[in-house]
Amino acid sequence: MRFTAPLFALAVVAATGAAVAQSRHDSSAPIDFAADHIELQDKANRAILSGNVRITQAEMTLSAARVTVAYTGKVSNGSPQASRIDAAGGVTVTRPDQRASGSYGVYDVGRRTVIMLGGVRLTQGANTVNGSRLTINLDTGKAVIDGGGAMSNPGNGATTTSGGRVTGSFSVPKRN
């Protein structure tokens, strides 16, 4: 089964420290999925995917333990039209050179927003930003990361708490 609608777009972190929009995502590409289990609830217009869920659209991939896809009931080219995607359990969104991770993710197709919650980490190359909530407006490309006591694992096995602040690191160009 394929769902037609844009999936996730993701922000990138510029070396200047500002969050900027990522290159344009092909939101007209079909949404493909793979999972260990699917439960179709046609009367409720939703599909529940669980177990190693992997959703792809163009060059973007979303991975999570569980995903609920709500659809409108309208069919386009034989596929239902997705209206909202909710992901839970180790949510990761990747593009060729970016990665965002968190506990939960919501893509509201009507509002054209992506929200990731819970220990959010946004990475591009050596640049990282950590917070508790990432909101991306797909129309404007604006990405906002909020603090709120976020916890992250910086990769050395230690867990750190940001104390309600947005934290991160940016790489700088090497000098000759």
Protein backbone atom coordinates (compact mmCIF):
# COMPACT_ATOMS: atom_id res chain seq x y z
CA MET A 1 0.00 0.00 0.00
CA ARG A 2 1.21 3.53 -0.72
CA PHE A 3 -0.03 6.78 0.75
CA THR A 4 0.05 9.96 -1.31
CA ALA A 5 1.14 13.12 0.50
CA PRO A 6 4.37 14.72 1.62
CA LEU A 7 6.03 12.96 4.54
CA PHE A 8 8.70 14.68 6.54
CA ALA A 9 11.00 17.58 5.80
CA LEU A 10 13.79 18.35 8.12
CA ALA A 11 15.81 21.38 9.13
CA VAL A 12 19.55 21.61 8.92
CA VAL A 13 21.97 23.44 11.12
CA ALA A 14 24.16 25.96 9.34
CA ALA A 15 27.71 26.57 10.51
CA THR A 16 26.60 30.06 11.51
CA GLY A 17 24.41 28.59 14.25
CA ALA A 18 21.07 29.37 12.63
CA ALA A 19 18.51 26.72 11.77
CA VAL A 20 17.61 27.00 8.10
CA ALA A 21 15.40 25.06 5.71
CA GLN A 22 16.69 21.96 4.04
CA SER A 23 16.61 21.59 0.28
CA ARG A 24 13.11 21.20 -1.10
CA HIS A 25 11.53 17.79 -0.53
CA ASP A 26 9.55 16.10 -3.32
CA SER A 27 6.19 16.02 -1.54
CA SER A 28 4.47 14.60 -4.62
CA ALA A 29 6.42 11.33 -4.41
CA PRO A 30 4.50 8.33 -3.09
CA ILE A 31 4.97 7.26 0.53
CA ASP A 32 6.21 3.66 0.71
CA PHE A 33 6.41 1.65 3.90
CA ALA A 34 7.66 -1.59 5.40
CA ALA A 35 6.81 -2.97 8.84
CA ASP A 36 6.58 -6.24 10.72
CA HIS A 37 2.81 -5.78 11.13
CA ILE A 38 0.01 -3.62 9.72
CA GLU A 39 -3.51 -3.19 11.01
CA LEU A 40 -5.91 -1.49 8.59
CA GLN A 41 -8.83 0.26 10.24
CA ASP A 42 -10.83 1.33 7.18
CA LYS A 43 -13.85 2.58 9.15
CA ALA A 44 -11.52 4.85 11.14
CA ASN A 45 -9.51 5.79 8.01
CA ARG A 46 -6.17 4.79 9.48
CA ALA A 47 -3.41 2.25 9.23
CA ILE A 48 -1.29 1.24 12.21
CA LEU A 49 2.19 0.01 11.38
CA SER A 50 4.35 -1.63 14.05
CA GLY A 51 7.68 -3.36 14.39
CA ASN A 52 10.72 -1.91 12.64
CA VAL A 53 8.63 0.59 10.68
CA ARG A 54 10.40 2.23 7.77
CA ILE A 55 8.66 4.87 5.66
CA THR A 56 10.29 6.44 2.63
CA GLN A 57 9.39 9.29 0.34
CA ALA A 58 11.87 10.42 -2.29
CA GLU A 59 15.24 10.69 -0.48
CA MET A 60 13.72 10.91 3.01
CA THR A 61 13.30 8.00 5.43
CA LEU A 62 11.41 7.79 8.71
CA SER A 63 12.08 4.90 11.10
CA ALA A 64 10.12 4.17 14.29
CA ALA A 65 8.72 1.35 16.39
CA ARG A 66 5.11 2.34 15.64
CA VAL A 67 3.43 4.64 13.12
CA THR A 68 -0.22 5.57 12.66
CA VAL A 69 -1.18 6.93 9.25
CA ALA A 70 -4.53 8.73 9.15
CA TYR A 71 -6.00 9.12 5.70
CA THR A 72 -8.85 11.12 4.25
CA GLY A 73 -10.81 8.30 2.68
CA LYS A 74 -10.23 9.87 -0.74
CA VAL A 75 -8.28 7.74 -3.20
CA SER A 76 -5.71 9.06 -5.68
CA ASN A 77 -4.28 6.65 -8.28
CA GLY A 78 -5.58 3.70 -6.25
CA SER A 79 -3.99 4.83 -2.96
CA PRO A 80 -5.50 6.53 0.10
CA GLN A 81 -4.38 10.13 0.73
CA ALA A 82 -2.48 10.51 3.99
CA SER A 83 -3.60 13.43 6.17
CA ARG A 84 -1.47 12.87 9.30
CA ILE A 85 1.40 10.62 10.33
CA ASP A 86 2.14 9.95 14.00
CA ALA A 87 5.34 8.08 14.90
CA ALA A 88 6.50 6.79 18.29
CA GLY A 89 9.41 4.86 19.68
CA GLY A 90 12.88 5.92 18.62
CA VAL A 91 11.76 8.14 15.75
CA THR A 92 14.48 8.97 13.25
CA VAL A 93 14.13 11.04 10.09
CA THR A 94 17.06 11.02 7.67
CA ARG A 95 17.95 12.70 4.41
CA PRO A 96 21.21 12.30 2.46
CA ASP A 97 23.24 14.44 4.90
CA GLN A 98 20.89 15.23 7.82
CA ARG A 99 19.38 13.30 10.69
CA ALA A 100 16.75 14.21 13.30
CA SER A 101 15.80 11.91 16.15
CA GLY A 102 13.34 12.04 19.04
CA SER A 103 10.80 9.99 20.96
CA TYR A 104 7.76 11.10 18.93
CA GLY A 105 7.06 12.68 15.57
CA VAL A 106 3.91 14.18 14.04
CA TYR A 107 3.43 15.33 10.48
CA ASP A 108 0.20 17.27 9.94
CA VAL A 109 -0.38 17.36 6.19
CA GLY A 110 -3.12 20.02 6.35
CA ARG A 111 -1.03 22.42 8.42
CA ARG A 112 2.18 21.43 6.61
CA THR A 113 4.07 21.14 9.88
CA VAL A 114 6.41 18.55 11.32
CA ILE A 115 6.86 18.30 15.07
CA MET A 116 9.34 16.06 16.83
CA LEU A 117 9.25 15.68 20.61
CA GLY A 118 11.27 14.16 23.41
CA GLY A 119 15.04 14.36 23.47
CA VAL A 120 15.27 15.83 19.98
CA ARG A 121 18.67 15.81 18.30
CA LEU A 122 19.22 17.47 14.94
CA THR A 123 22.51 16.66 13.18
CA GLN A 124 24.23 17.70 9.97
CA GLY A 125 27.84 16.61 9.64
CA ALA A 126 29.62 17.62 12.86
CA ASN A 127 26.91 20.19 13.77
CA THR A 128 24.31 19.20 16.36
CA VAL A 129 21.43 20.89 18.17
CA ASN A 130 19.55 19.28 21.10
CA GLY A 131 16.22 20.25 22.62
CA SER A 132 12.87 18.87 23.60
CA ARG A 133 10.77 19.99 20.62
CA LEU A 134 11.51 20.61 16.94
CA THR A 135 8.87 22.36 14.83
CA ILE A 136 9.25 22.75 11.09
CA ASN A 137 6.92 24.83 8.94
CA LEU A 138 7.07 23.23 5.50
CA ASP A 139 5.68 26.32 3.75
CA THR A 140 8.25 28.78 5.12
CA GLY A 141 11.09 26.36 5.85
CA LYS A 142 11.44 27.84 9.33
CA ALA A 143 12.68 25.38 11.95
CA VAL A 144 12.45 26.09 15.69
CA ILE A 145 13.99 24.01 18.44
CA ASP A 146 12.79 24.59 22.00
CA GLY A 147 14.46 23.59 25.28
CA GLY A 148 12.41 22.25 28.16
CA GLY A 149 14.70 19.87 29.99
CA ALA A 150 15.84 17.85 27.00
CA MET A 151 18.12 14.88 27.53
CA SER A 152 20.58 13.65 24.94
CA ASN A 153 23.32 11.09 24.53
CA PRO A 154 26.34 12.86 23.00
CA GLY A 155 27.75 9.60 21.66
CA ASN A 156 30.25 8.82 24.42
CA GLY A 157 27.75 6.83 26.48
CA ALA A 158 27.01 9.69 28.89
CA THR A 159 23.55 11.20 29.10
CA THR A 160 23.36 14.94 29.60
CA THR A 161 20.49 17.22 30.56
CA SER A 162 20.25 20.65 29.01
CA GLY A 163 18.39 22.17 31.96
CA GLY A 164 15.57 23.41 29.75
CA ARG A 165 17.89 25.03 27.26
CA VAL A 166 18.69 24.31 23.64
CA THR A 167 22.24 23.01 23.40
CA GLY A 168 24.54 22.07 20.57
CA SER A 169 27.84 22.45 18.84
CA PHE A 170 28.90 23.85 15.49
CA SER A 171 31.99 23.01 13.52
CA VAL A 172 34.26 25.77 12.30
CA PRO A 173 36.38 25.89 9.14
CA LYS A 174 39.99 24.77 9.54
CA ARG A 175 42.66 27.39 8.96
CA ASN A 176 45.73 26.71 6.87
